[in-house]
């Protein structure tokens, strides 16, 4: 199971940048992406590996 969240990441300038954070619940792994397309590709690749 994957959990989607928005994460505010502060740059060195103190400016917040929003990223998509995906947590894979079973593996307790978190990964950040800049776009929903990148996040979806990550999940597809993970599913293909674990079939």
Protein backbone atom coordinates (compact mmCIF):
# COMPACT_ATOMS: atom_id res chain seq x y z
CA UNK A 1 0.00 0.00 0.00
CA UNK A 2 1.19 3.49 -0.87
CA UNK A 3 0.33 6.71 0.98
CA UNK A 4 0.46 10.07 -0.85
CA UNK A 5 1.25 13.32 0.99
CA UNK A 6 2.38 16.81 0.10
CA UNK A 7 5.64 17.76 1.80
CA UNK A 8 7.00 21.29 2.19
CA UNK A 9 10.76 21.26 1.72
CA UNK A 10 12.74 24.36 2.69
CA UNK A 11 15.50 25.40 0.38
CA UNK A 12 18.70 27.09 1.57
CA UNK A 13 16.98 30.40 0.89
CA UNK A 14 14.22 29.56 3.39
CA UNK A 15 11.71 29.27 0.54
CA UNK A 16 9.32 26.33 0.75
CA UNK A 17 9.05 24.00 -2.22
CA UNK A 18 6.23 21.47 -2.35
CA UNK A 19 6.99 17.86 -3.21
CA UNK A 20 4.91 14.71 -3.45
CA UNK A 21 5.90 12.22 -0.76
CA UNK A 22 5.03 8.57 -1.27
CA UNK A 23 5.34 6.17 1.63
CA UNK A 24 5.35 2.46 0.96
CA UNK A 25 3.72 1.22 4.14
CA UNK A 26 4.96 -2.38 4.18
CA UNK A 27 8.61 -1.41 3.59
CA UNK A 28 8.43 1.81 5.66
CA UNK A 29 10.13 3.63 2.79
CA UNK A 30 9.55 7.30 1.93
CA UNK A 31 10.45 8.89 -1.40
CA UNK A 32 9.99 12.49 -2.62
CA UNK A 33 9.04 13.49 -6.17
CA UNK A 34 8.67 16.82 -7.93
CA UNK A 35 5.70 15.77 -10.07
CA UNK A 36 2.76 13.39 -9.95
CA UNK A 37 4.05 11.77 -13.15
CA UNK A 38 7.34 10.84 -11.46
CA UNK A 39 5.44 9.48 -8.46
CA UNK A 40 3.16 7.37 -10.65
CA UNK A 41 6.13 5.98 -12.61
CA UNK A 42 7.80 5.01 -9.34
CA UNK A 43 4.71 3.10 -8.19
CA UNK A 44 4.33 1.33 -11.55
CA UNK A 45 7.96 0.25 -11.52
CA UNK A 46 7.63 -1.01 -7.94
CA UNK A 47 4.53 -3.00 -8.82
CA UNK A 48 6.20 -4.54 -11.87
CA UNK A 49 9.16 -5.69 -9.74
CA UNK A 50 6.99 -7.23 -7.04
CA UNK A 51 4.47 -9.23 -9.06
